Amino acid sequence: MTDQEDYSIPESGIVVVDKPRGPSSHQVTAWVGDILGRRVGHAGTLDPQVSGVLIVMFGGAVRLAPVLLSHNKEYVCLMRLHGDASPEAVYRVAAEFTGRIYQRPPKKSAVKRSLRIRKIQEIEILDMVGRLVLFRVRCDAGTYIRTLCVHLGYAIGVCAHMEELRRIRSGSFDETAAVTLHELADAAAAAREGDPEPLRGMILPPAAAVADLPKVVVRDTAVDAVCHGAVLAGVGVTAKEGGFGKGETVAITTERGELVGLGKALVGSPALKPGEPGFVVAPVAVLMLPGTYPRGWKAHAREPGA
């Protein structure tokens, strides 16, 4: 879509796409970009034959990729055993795989095949019919479910492989919020015809991606300085939400709840006193454009970023 004058699309946002089986994540992301007329990126690659939740970002929201990539994931997997096994054995082995596990990426993976540790928060066996086992798994980002199936099969004693896989959640985004490419295209067509509401309902603000992060709320007069890359001082802070330690990532928001960007905490939350002097947060990824809020700071020798 190239004609954007018929309706308004935010400069920055997130779309939760229900990726179909077949195309790659890169292809699906490119199609979203064509539909929205925006440069896009995605977080959390799915193999072509895997379906489900794919987070597509556009505009400044692309800078949130490191946060979105680190989110826990949840899948429903159909595993095929290579031999007969009792349900009791399958349940027992599944319980043993909860916790920290070792994995090496499969040969088809695009990343280096070095040994890694990932955490399985939960494995729930949903159904078992013959040699087919349907289970739900909640795990760290970067967990290879294909490899997990192979290891489960080894532990059961009959070998196994992944038959089908669907991602049903990535962080706080689940499949109930996902839209298909057809739905997105239809909403874009409706917007061109004068009804932008369906499309607007599919586009989430960047702040939705940091719902689980601790937050530092800044005064209106301090927002533009942060947008120019200035280190945030306590005098520019009105509130803090959630606990965090020194060096951890925090979301920097306005008093209206708008996401200014991400920052690295220079002090822990117990030491951060809103309204008091001292540097508290260093911006690492700014999403809000300078000039969005009135300038409330004074330049001396040179302006930030000059």
C-alpha atoms as a PDB file:
ATOM      1  CA  MET A   1       0.000   0.000   0.000  1.00  0.00           C
ATOM      2  CA  THR A   2       1.484   3.318  -1.013  1.00  0.00           C
ATOM      3  CA  ASP A   3      -1.358   5.781  -0.608  1.00  0.00           C
ATOM      4  CA  GLN A   4      -1.368   6.900   3.025  1.00  0.00           C
ATOM      5  CA  GLU A   5      -3.268  10.162   2.596  1.00  0.00           C
ATOM      6  CA  ASP A   6      -6.701   8.518   2.992  1.00  0.00           C
ATOM      7  CA  TYR A   7      -6.086   7.593   6.625  1.00  0.00           C
ATOM      8  CA  SER A   8      -3.661   7.943   9.494  1.00  0.00           C
ATOM      9  CA  ILE A   9      -1.154   5.249  10.461  1.00  0.00           C
ATOM     10  CA  PRO A  10       0.993   5.893  13.536  1.00  0.00           C
ATOM     11  CA  GLU A  11       4.664   6.511  12.881  1.00  0.00           C
ATOM     12  CA  SER A  12       5.518   3.779  15.365  1.00  0.00           C
ATOM     13  CA  GLY A  13       3.664   0.693  16.529  1.00  0.00           C
ATOM     14  CA  ILE A  14       3.339  -3.071  16.868  1.00  0.00           C
ATOM     15  CA  VAL A  15       1.173  -5.603  15.066  1.00  0.00           C
ATOM     16  CA  VAL A  16       0.712  -9.117  16.455  1.00  0.00           C
ATOM     17  CA  VAL A  17       0.456 -11.309  13.370  1.00  0.00           C
ATOM     18  CA  ASP A  18      -0.847 -14.872  13.220  1.00  0.00           C
ATOM     19  CA  LYS A  19       1.850 -16.278  10.943  1.00  0.00           C
ATOM     20  CA  PRO A  20       0.614 -19.093   8.690  1.00  0.00           C
ATOM     21  CA  ARG A  21       2.584 -22.212   7.852  1.00  0.00           C
ATOM     22  CA  GLY A  22       4.552 -21.928   4.636  1.00  0.00           C
ATOM     23  CA  PRO A  23       6.164 -18.502   4.306  1.00  0.00           C
ATOM     24  CA  SER A  24       9.186 -17.462   6.322  1.00  0.00           C
ATOM     25  CA  SER A  25       9.006 -14.880   9.101  1.00  0.00           C
ATOM     26  CA  HIS A  26      10.897 -12.459   6.842  1.00  0.00           C
ATOM     27  CA  GLN A  27       8.322 -12.868   4.065  1.00  0.00           C
ATOM     28  CA  VAL A  28       5.387 -12.311   6.425  1.00  0.00           C
ATOM     29  CA  THR A  29       7.089  -9.236   7.878  1.00  0.00           C
ATOM     30  CA  ALA A  30       7.699  -7.827   4.398  1.00  0.00           C
ATOM     31  CA  TRP A  31       4.026  -8.298   3.521  1.00  0.00           C
ATOM     32  CA  VAL A  32       3.022  -6.398   6.660  1.00  0.00           C
ATOM     33  CA  GLY A  33       5.354  -3.600   5.593  1.00  0.00           C
ATOM     34  CA  ASP A  34       3.710  -3.481   2.167  1.00  0.00           C
ATOM     35  CA  ILE A  35       0.240  -3.355   3.735  1.00  0.00           C
ATOM     36  CA  LEU A  36       1.134  -0.567   6.166  1.00  0.00           C
ATOM     37  CA  GLY A  37       3.534   1.316   3.929  1.00  0.00           C
ATOM     38  CA  ARG A  38       6.141   1.297   6.691  1.00  0.00           C
ATOM     39  CA  ARG A  39       9.634  -0.058   7.221  1.00  0.00           C
ATOM     40  CA  VAL A  40       9.260  -3.023   9.557  1.00  0.00           C
ATOM     41  CA  GLY A  41      11.105  -5.612  11.611  1.00  0.00           C
ATOM     42  CA  HIS A  42      10.105  -8.689  13.582  1.00  0.00           C
ATOM     43  CA  ALA A  43      11.006 -10.273  16.908  1.00  0.00           C
ATOM     44  CA  GLY A  44      11.333 -14.024  17.358  1.00  0.00           C
ATOM     45  CA  THR A  45      11.783 -15.917  14.099  1.00  0.00           C
ATOM     46  CA  LEU A  46       9.475 -18.834  13.352  1.00  0.00           C
ATOM     47  CA  ASP A  47      10.471 -21.575  10.912  1.00  0.00           C
ATOM     48  CA  PRO A  48       8.410 -21.661   7.688  1.00  0.00           C
ATOM     49  CA  GLN A  49       6.369 -24.696   8.808  1.00  0.00           C
ATOM     50  CA  VAL A  50       5.636 -23.194  12.243  1.00  0.00           C
ATOM     51  CA  SER A  51       2.566 -21.001  12.786  1.00  0.00           C
ATOM     52  CA  GLY A  52       1.463 -18.571  15.438  1.00  0.00           C
ATOM     53  CA  VAL A  53       2.368 -15.335  17.157  1.00  0.00           C
ATOM     54  CA  LEU A  54       4.873 -13.179  15.266  1.00  0.00           C
ATOM     55  CA  ILE A  55       5.554  -9.698  16.629  1.00  0.00           C
ATOM     56  CA  VAL A  56       6.026  -7.161  13.825  1.00  0.00           C
ATOM     57  CA  MET A  57       7.313  -3.680  14.714  1.00  0.00           C
ATOM     58  CA  PHE A  58       7.431  -0.555  12.595  1.00  0.00           C
ATOM     59  CA  GLY A  59       8.859   2.932  12.982  1.00  0.00           C
ATOM     60  CA  GLY A  60      10.664   3.654  16.225  1.00  0.00           C
ATOM     61  CA  ALA A  61       9.189   0.508  17.782  1.00  0.00           C
ATOM     62  CA  VAL A  62      11.831  -1.503  15.895  1.00  0.00           C
ATOM     63  CA  ARG A  63      14.252  -0.331  18.606  1.00  0.00           C
ATOM     64  CA  LEU A  64      12.298  -2.485  21.059  1.00  0.00           C
ATOM     65  CA  ALA A  65      13.497  -5.669  19.343  1.00  0.00           C
ATOM     66  CA  PRO A  66      15.991  -6.602  22.122  1.00  0.00           C
ATOM     67  CA  VAL A  67      13.186  -6.478  24.708  1.00  0.00           C
ATOM     68  CA  LEU A  68      10.717  -8.407  22.563  1.00  0.00           C
ATOM     69  CA  LEU A  69      13.301 -11.018  21.619  1.00  0.00           C
ATOM     70  CA  SER A  70      14.020 -11.731  25.292  1.00  0.00           C
ATOM     71  CA  HIS A  71      10.377 -12.440  26.170  1.00  0.00           C
ATOM     72  CA  ASN A  72       9.406 -15.929  27.318  1.00  0.00           C
ATOM     73  CA  LYS A  73       7.598 -17.968  24.689  1.00  0.00           C
ATOM     74  CA  GLU A  74       4.745 -20.480  24.844  1.00  0.00           C
ATOM     75  CA  TYR A  75       4.032 -23.196  22.281  1.00  0.00           C
ATOM     76  CA  VAL A  76       1.664 -26.058  21.558  1.00  0.00           C
ATOM     77  CA  CYS A  77       3.562 -28.931  19.983  1.00  0.00           C
ATOM     78  CA  LEU A  78       2.583 -32.234  18.404  1.00  0.00           C
ATOM     79  CA  MET A  79       5.371 -34.774  18.929  1.00  0.00           C
ATOM     80  CA  ARG A  80       5.553 -38.178  17.249  1.00  0.00           C
ATOM     81  CA  LEU A  81       7.213 -41.027  19.149  1.00  0.00           C
ATOM     82  CA  HIS A  82       9.163 -43.614  17.125  1.00  0.00           C
ATOM     83  CA  GLY A  83       7.978 -46.447  19.316  1.00  0.00           C
ATOM     84  CA  ASP A  84       5.294 -47.393  21.797  1.00  0.00           C
ATOM     85  CA  ALA A  85       5.436 -45.798  25.239  1.00  0.00           C
ATOM     86  CA  SER A  86       3.087 -45.698  28.179  1.00  0.00           C
ATOM     87  CA  PRO A  87       1.380 -42.426  29.153  1.00  0.00           C
ATOM     88  CA  GLU A  88       2.993 -42.777  32.574  1.00  0.00           C
ATOM     89  CA  ALA A  89       6.466 -42.744  31.016  1.00  0.00           C
ATOM     90  CA  VAL A  90       5.656 -39.685  28.911  1.00  0.00           C
ATOM     91  CA  TYR A  91       4.276 -37.753  31.889  1.00  0.00           C
ATOM     92  CA  ARG A  92       7.248 -38.714  34.043  1.00  0.00           C
ATOM     93  CA  VAL A  93       9.848 -37.623  31.504  1.00  0.00           C
ATOM     94  CA  ALA A  94       7.998 -34.365  30.757  1.00  0.00           C
ATOM     95  CA  ALA A  95       8.117 -33.493  34.457  1.00  0.00           C
ATOM     96  CA  GLU A  96      11.856 -34.220  34.548  1.00  0.00           C
ATOM     97  CA  PHE A  97      12.485 -31.693  31.765  1.00  0.00           C
ATOM     98  CA  THR A  98      11.017 -28.782  33.740  1.00  0.00           C
ATOM     99  CA  GLY A  99      13.812 -26.453  34.828  1.00  0.00           C
ATOM    100  CA  ARG A 100      17.246 -25.731  33.326  1.00  0.00           C
ATOM    101  CA  ILE A 101      18.169 -27.814  30.288  1.00  0.00           C
ATOM    102  CA  TYR A 102      21.133 -27.980  27.907  1.00  0.00           C
ATOM    103  CA  GLN A 103      20.563 -27.550  24.169  1.00  0.00           C
ATOM    104  CA  ARG A 104      22.575 -27.270  21.007  1.00  0.00           C
ATOM    105  CA  PRO A 105      20.819 -25.525  18.073  1.00  0.00           C
ATOM    106  CA  PRO A 106      19.829 -27.934  15.264  1.00  0.00           C
ATOM    107  CA  LYS A 107      21.884 -28.141  12.072  1.00  0.00           C
ATOM    108  CA  LYS A 108      19.218 -26.185  10.156  1.00  0.00           C
ATOM    109  CA  SER A 109      19.589 -23.245  12.552  1.00  0.00           C
ATOM    110  CA  ALA A 110      21.136 -19.986  11.372  1.00  0.00           C
ATOM    111  CA  VAL A 111      22.995 -19.450  14.664  1.00  0.00           C
ATOM    112  CA  LYS A 112      26.263 -20.909  15.935  1.00  0.00           C
ATOM    113  CA  ARG A 113      25.765 -24.459  17.219  1.00  0.00           C
ATOM    114  CA  SER A 114      27.261 -23.876  20.656  1.00  0.00           C
ATOM    115  CA  LEU A 115      25.883 -25.496  23.789  1.00  0.00           C
ATOM    116  CA  ARG A 116      23.399 -23.284  25.634  1.00  0.00           C
ATOM    117  CA  ILE A 117      21.296 -23.400  28.786  1.00  0.00           C
ATOM    118  CA  ARG A 118      17.584 -22.611  28.649  1.00  0.00           C
ATOM    119  CA  LYS A 119      14.828 -22.860  31.242  1.00  0.00           C
ATOM    120  CA  ILE A 120      11.583 -24.743  30.738  1.00  0.00           C
ATOM    121  CA  GLN A 121       9.023 -23.143  33.026  1.00  0.00           C
ATOM    122  CA  GLU A 122       6.274 -25.663  32.354  1.00  0.00           C
ATOM    123  CA  ILE A 123       5.422 -28.678  30.201  1.00  0.00           C
ATOM    124  CA  GLU A 124       1.799 -29.811  30.187  1.00  0.00           C
ATOM    125  CA  ILE A 125       0.766 -32.982  28.360  1.00  0.00           C
ATOM    126  CA  LEU A 126      -2.573 -32.130  26.727  1.00  0.00           C
ATOM    127  CA  ASP A 127      -3.360 -35.415  24.969  1.00  0.00           C
ATOM    128  CA  MET A 128      -1.801 -38.657  23.816  1.00  0.00           C
ATOM    129  CA  VAL A 129      -3.151 -40.895  21.077  1.00  0.00           C
ATOM    130  CA  GLY A 130      -0.984 -43.842  20.114  1.00  0.00           C
ATOM    131  CA  ARG A 131       2.466 -42.435  19.314  1.00  0.00           C
ATOM    132  CA  LEU A 132       1.260 -38.834  18.998  1.00  0.00           C
ATOM    133  CA  VAL A 133       1.769 -36.581  22.022  1.00  0.00           C
ATOM    134  CA  LEU A 134       0.251 -33.095  22.209  1.00  0.00           C
ATOM    135  CA  PHE A 135       1.843 -30.826  24.797  1.00  0.00           C
ATOM    136  CA  ARG A 136       2.098 -27.171  25.789  1.00  0.00           C
ATOM    137  CA  VAL A 137       5.443 -25.726  26.800  1.00  0.00           C
ATOM    138  CA  ARG A 138       6.395 -22.375  28.348  1.00  0.00           C
ATOM    139  CA  CYS A 139      10.085 -21.605  28.033  1.00  0.00           C
ATOM    140  CA  ASP A 140      12.909 -19.090  27.709  1.00  0.00           C
ATOM    141  CA  ALA A 141      13.441 -17.252  24.466  1.00  0.00           C
ATOM    142  CA  GLY A 142      15.813 -19.161  22.211  1.00  0.00           C
ATOM    143  CA  THR A 143      14.573 -22.611  23.238  1.00  0.00           C
ATOM    144  CA  TYR A 144      14.469 -25.035  20.304  1.00  0.00           C
ATOM    145  CA  ILE A 145      11.301 -27.117  20.561  1.00  0.00           C
ATOM    146  CA  ARG A 146      12.478 -29.388  17.740  1.00  0.00           C
ATOM    147  CA  THR A 147      15.536 -30.260  19.840  1.00  0.00           C
ATOM    148  CA  LEU A 148      13.373 -30.602  22.956  1.00  0.00           C
ATOM    149  CA  CYS A 149      11.260 -33.261  21.197  1.00  0.00           C
ATOM    150  CA  VAL A 150      14.381 -35.225  20.244  1.00  0.00           C
ATOM    151  CA  HIS A 151      15.665 -35.131  23.820  1.00  0.00           C
ATOM    152  CA  LEU A 152      12.252 -36.102  25.238  1.00  0.00           C
ATOM    153  CA  GLY A 153      12.246 -39.097  22.916  1.00  0.00           C
ATOM    154  CA  TYR A 154      15.730 -40.144  24.043  1.00  0.00           C
ATOM    155  CA  ALA A 155      14.662 -39.930  27.690  1.00  0.00           C
ATOM    156  CA  ILE A 156      11.470 -41.912  27.050  1.00  0.00           C
ATOM    157  CA  GLY A 157      13.574 -44.520  25.280  1.00  0.00           C
ATOM    158  CA  VAL A 158      11.858 -44.637  21.888  1.00  0.00           C
ATOM    159  CA  CYS A 159      13.185 -41.515  20.080  1.00  0.00           C
ATOM    160  CA  ALA A 160      10.848 -38.801  18.779  1.00  0.00           C
ATOM    161  CA  HIS A 161      10.547 -35.818  16.465  1.00  0.00           C
ATOM    162  CA  MET A 162       8.464 -32.667  16.218  1.00  0.00           C
ATOM    163  CA  GLU A 163       5.460 -33.134  13.943  1.00  0.00           C
ATOM    164  CA  GLU A 164       3.795 -29.704  14.207  1.00  0.00           C
ATOM    165  CA  LEU A 165       4.361 -26.528  16.226  1.00  0.00           C
ATOM    166  CA  ARG A 166       2.410 -23.372  16.953  1.00  0.00           C
ATOM    167  CA  ARG A 167       3.534 -20.411  19.077  1.00  0.00           C
ATOM    168  CA  ILE A 168       0.604 -19.221  21.168  1.00  0.00           C
ATOM    169  CA  ARG A 169       2.340 -16.533  23.229  1.00  0.00           C
ATOM    170  CA  SER A 170       5.354 -14.226  23.147  1.00  0.00           C
ATOM    171  CA  GLY A 171       5.726 -12.246  26.354  1.00  0.00           C
ATOM    172  CA  SER A 172       2.412 -10.530  27.061  1.00  0.00           C
ATOM    173  CA  PHE A 173       1.150 -11.011  23.482  1.00  0.00           C
ATOM    174  CA  ASP A 174      -0.930 -14.141  22.902  1.00  0.00           C
ATOM    175  CA  GLU A 175      -2.778 -15.590  19.924  1.00  0.00           C
ATOM    176  CA  THR A 176      -6.083 -13.976  20.946  1.00  0.00           C
ATOM    177  CA  ALA A 177      -4.562 -10.597  19.980  1.00  0.00           C
ATOM    178  CA  ALA A 178      -3.102 -11.883  16.700  1.00  0.00           C
ATOM    179  CA  VAL A 179      -4.506 -10.921  13.296  1.00  0.00           C
ATOM    180  CA  THR A 180      -4.092 -12.724  10.009  1.00  0.00           C
ATOM    181  CA  LEU A 181      -2.531 -11.103   6.966  1.00  0.00           C
ATOM    182  CA  HIS A 182      -5.938 -11.157   5.276  1.00  0.00           C
ATOM    183  CA  GLU A 183      -7.554  -9.349   8.209  1.00  0.00           C
ATOM    184  CA  LEU A 184      -4.804  -6.742   8.187  1.00  0.00           C
ATOM    185  CA  ALA A 185      -5.115  -6.230   4.431  1.00  0.00           C
ATOM    186  CA  ASP A 186      -8.917  -5.937   4.670  1.00  0.00           C
ATOM    187  CA  ALA A 187      -8.581  -3.377   7.481  1.00  0.00           C
ATOM    188  CA  ALA A 188      -6.107  -1.370   5.390  1.00  0.00           C
ATOM    189  CA  ALA A 189      -8.526  -1.453   2.436  1.00  0.00           C
ATOM    190  CA  ALA A 190     -11.375  -0.282   4.686  1.00  0.00           C
ATOM    191  CA  ALA A 191      -9.178   2.546   5.948  1.00  0.00           C
ATOM    192  CA  ARG A 192      -8.498   3.663   2.385  1.00  0.00           C
ATOM    193  CA  GLU A 193     -12.247   3.808   1.922  1.00  0.00           C
ATOM    194  CA  GLY A 194     -12.715   6.046   4.949  1.00  0.00           C
ATOM    195  CA  ASP A 195     -13.063   3.644   7.898  1.00  0.00           C
ATOM    196  CA  PRO A 196      -9.741   3.603   9.793  1.00  0.00           C
ATOM    197  CA  GLU A 197     -11.056   2.112  13.065  1.00  0.00           C
ATOM    198  CA  PRO A 198     -10.494  -1.605  12.286  1.00  0.00           C
ATOM    199  CA  LEU A 199      -6.874  -0.923  11.322  1.00  0.00           C
ATOM    200  CA  ARG A 200      -6.253   1.289  14.330  1.00  0.00           C
ATOM    201  CA  GLY A 201      -7.559  -1.501  16.549  1.00  0.00           C
ATOM    202  CA  MET A 202      -4.894  -3.840  15.175  1.00  0.00           C
ATOM    203  CA  ILE A 203      -1.973  -1.497  15.791  1.00  0.00           C
ATOM    204  CA  LEU A 204      -0.661  -1.481  19.349  1.00  0.00           C
ATOM    205  CA  PRO A 205       1.356   1.402  20.823  1.00  0.00           C
ATOM    206  CA  PRO A 206       5.054   0.770  21.565  1.00  0.00           C
ATOM    207  CA  ALA A 207       4.263   1.002  25.294  1.00  0.00           C
ATOM    208  CA  ALA A 208       2.436  -2.343  25.002  1.00  0.00           C
ATOM    209  CA  ALA A 209       5.803  -4.044  24.477  1.00  0.00           C
ATOM    210  CA  VAL A 210       7.202  -2.912  27.830  1.00  0.00           C
ATOM    211  CA  ALA A 211       4.219  -3.716  30.026  1.00  0.00           C
ATOM    212  CA  ASP A 212       6.357  -6.089  32.103  1.00  0.00           C
ATOM    213  CA  LEU A 213       9.339  -3.750  32.497  1.00  0.00           C
ATOM    214  CA  PRO A 214       9.838  -1.503  35.526  1.00  0.00           C
ATOM    215  CA  LYS A 215       9.107   2.125  34.655  1.00  0.00           C
ATOM    216  CA  VAL A 216      10.496   5.552  35.404  1.00  0.00           C
ATOM    217  CA  VAL A 217       7.996   8.366  34.832  1.00  0.00           C
ATOM    218  CA  VAL A 218       9.458  11.734  33.782  1.00  0.00           C
ATOM    219  CA  ARG A 219       8.179  15.297  33.947  1.00  0.00           C
ATOM    220  CA  ASP A 220       6.914  16.927  30.764  1.00  0.00           C
ATOM    221  CA  THR A 221       9.771  19.423  31.000  1.00  0.00           C
ATOM    222  CA  ALA A 222      12.346  16.609  30.979  1.00  0.00           C
ATOM    223  CA  VAL A 223      10.961  14.581  28.070  1.00  0.00           C
ATOM    224  CA  ASP A 224      12.636  16.524  25.260  1.00  0.00           C
ATOM    225  CA  ALA A 225      16.023  16.360  26.956  1.00  0.00           C
ATOM    226  CA  VAL A 226      15.749  12.565  27.113  1.00  0.00           C
ATOM    227  CA  CYS A 227      14.707  12.557  23.438  1.00  0.00           C
ATOM    228  CA  HIS A 228      18.003  14.320  22.689  1.00  0.00           C
ATOM    229  CA  GLY A 229      19.916  11.617  24.590  1.00  0.00           C
ATOM    230  CA  ALA A 230      20.444  13.427  27.886  1.00  0.00           C
ATOM    231  CA  VAL A 231      21.041  11.311  30.988  1.00  0.00           C
ATOM    232  CA  LEU A 232      17.995  11.520  33.221  1.00  0.00           C
ATOM    233  CA  ALA A 233      18.422  13.063  36.667  1.00  0.00           C
ATOM    234  CA  GLY A 234      16.187  12.429  39.646  1.00  0.00           C
ATOM    235  CA  VAL A 235      14.827  15.987  39.510  1.00  0.00           C
ATOM    236  CA  GLY A 236      13.150  15.060  36.207  1.00  0.00           C
ATOM    237  CA  VAL A 237      11.456  11.987  37.658  1.00  0.00           C
ATOM    238  CA  THR A 238       7.947  12.083  39.109  1.00  0.00           C
ATOM    239  CA  ALA A 239       7.466   8.388  39.913  1.00  0.00           C
ATOM    240  CA  LYS A 240       8.882   4.873  39.589  1.00  0.00           C
ATOM    241  CA  GLU A 241       6.952   1.648  39.069  1.00  0.00           C
ATOM    242  CA  GLY A 242       8.359  -1.768  39.874  1.00  0.00           C
ATOM    243  CA  GLY A 243      11.681  -2.733  41.376  1.00  0.00           C
ATOM    244  CA  PHE A 244      14.961  -2.826  39.460  1.00  0.00           C
ATOM    245  CA  GLY A 245      18.662  -3.069  40.116  1.00  0.00           C
ATOM    246  CA  LYS A 246      21.581  -1.004  38.913  1.00  0.00           C
ATOM    247  CA  GLY A 247      22.353  -1.792  35.275  1.00  0.00           C
ATOM    248  CA  GLU A 248      18.915  -3.237  34.480  1.00  0.00           C
ATOM    249  CA  THR A 249      16.705  -2.045  31.634  1.00  0.00           C
ATOM    250  CA  VAL A 250      13.801   0.256  32.496  1.00  0.00           C
ATOM    251  CA  ALA A 251      11.076   1.889  30.430  1.00  0.00           C
ATOM    252  CA  ILE A 252      11.051   5.694  30.409  1.00  0.00           C
ATOM    253  CA  THR A 253       7.490   7.020  30.109  1.00  0.00           C
ATOM    254  CA  THR A 254       5.672  10.339  30.209  1.00  0.00           C
ATOM    255  CA  GLU A 255       3.070  11.164  32.834  1.00  0.00           C
ATOM    256  CA  ARG A 256       0.469  10.296  30.166  1.00  0.00           C
ATOM    257  CA  GLY A 257       1.900   6.796  29.830  1.00  0.00           C
ATOM    258  CA  GLU A 258       3.618   7.386  26.471  1.00  0.00           C
ATOM    259  CA  LEU A 259       6.833   5.479  25.914  1.00  0.00           C
ATOM    260  CA  VAL A 260       9.824   7.785  25.525  1.00  0.00           C
ATOM    261  CA  GLY A 261      12.360   4.973  25.289  1.00  0.00           C
ATOM    262  CA  LEU A 262      14.430   2.435  27.167  1.00  0.00           C
ATOM    263  CA  GLY A 263      17.169   3.235  29.636  1.00  0.00           C
ATOM    264  CA  LYS A 264      19.862   1.630  31.746  1.00  0.00           C
ATOM    265  CA  ALA A 265      19.389   2.205  35.454  1.00  0.00           C
ATOM    266  CA  LEU A 266      22.397   3.952  36.994  1.00  0.00           C
ATOM    267  CA  VAL A 267      21.051   3.271  40.473  1.00  0.00           C
ATOM    268  CA  GLY A 268      18.713   0.655  41.903  1.00  0.00           C
ATOM    269  CA  SER A 269      15.073   1.505  42.520  1.00  0.00           C
ATOM    270  CA  PRO A 270      15.533   1.786  46.321  1.00  0.00           C
ATOM    271  CA  ALA A 271      18.105   4.552  45.761  1.00  0.00           C
ATOM    272  CA  LEU A 272      16.070   6.441  43.161  1.00  0.00           C
ATOM    273  CA  LYS A 273      14.252   9.313  44.891  1.00  0.00           C
ATOM    274  CA  PRO A 274      11.936  11.202  42.499  1.00  0.00           C
ATOM    275  CA  GLY A 275      12.632  14.930  42.584  1.00  0.00           C
ATOM    276  CA  GLU A 276      16.138  14.627  44.055  1.00  0.00           C
ATOM    277  CA  PRO A 277      19.394  15.446  42.194  1.00  0.00           C
ATOM    278  CA  GLY A 278      21.765  12.882  40.756  1.00  0.00           C
ATOM    279  CA  PHE A 279      21.825  10.892  37.529  1.00  0.00           C
ATOM    280  CA  VAL A 280      19.511   7.886  37.611  1.00  0.00           C
ATOM    281  CA  VAL A 281      18.884   6.554  34.080  1.00  0.00           C
ATOM    282  CA  ALA A 282      20.943   6.640  30.861  1.00  0.00           C
ATOM    283  CA  PRO A 283      18.863   6.343  27.650  1.00  0.00           C
ATOM    284  CA  VAL A 284      19.852   3.415  25.427  1.00  0.00           C
ATOM    285  CA  ALA A 285      17.014   3.444  22.861  1.00  0.00           C
ATOM    286  CA  VAL A 286      14.869   6.552  22.315  1.00  0.00           C
ATOM    287  CA  LEU A 287      11.581   6.080  20.442  1.00  0.00           C
ATOM    288  CA  MET A 288       9.915   9.463  20.858  1.00  0.00           C
ATOM    289  CA  LEU A 289      10.970  12.122  18.366  1.00  0.00           C
ATOM    290  CA  PRO A 290      12.619  15.319  19.672  1.00  0.00           C
ATOM    291  CA  GLY A 291      10.160  18.194  19.673  1.00  0.00           C
ATOM    292  CA  THR A 292       7.183  16.023  20.617  1.00  0.00           C
ATOM    293  CA  TYR A 293       7.176  17.803  23.990  1.00  0.00           C
ATOM    294  CA  PRO A 294       8.165  21.464  24.527  1.00  0.00           C
ATOM    295  CA  ARG A 295      11.791  22.016  25.304  1.00  0.00           C
ATOM    296  CA  GLY A 296      12.244  22.424  29.041  1.00  0.00           C
ATOM    297  CA  TRP A 297      16.021  22.434  29.246  1.00  0.00           C
ATOM    298  CA  LYS A 298      18.730  24.962  28.482  1.00  0.00           C
ATOM    299  CA  ALA A 299      21.805  24.348  26.368  1.00  0.00           C
ATOM    300  CA  HIS A 300      25.101  25.765  27.594  1.00  0.00           C
ATOM    301  CA  ALA A 301      28.211  25.003  25.558  1.00  0.00           C
ATOM    302  CA  ARG A 302      26.360  22.841  23.036  1.00  0.00           C
ATOM    303  CA  GLU A 303      23.085  21.015  22.664  1.00  0.00           C
ATOM    304  CA  PRO A 304      22.910  17.250  23.305  1.00  0.00           C
ATOM    305  CA  GLY A 305      23.869  15.355  20.199  1.00  0.00           C
ATOM    306  CA  ALA A 306      25.320  18.424  18.479  1.00  0.00           C
END
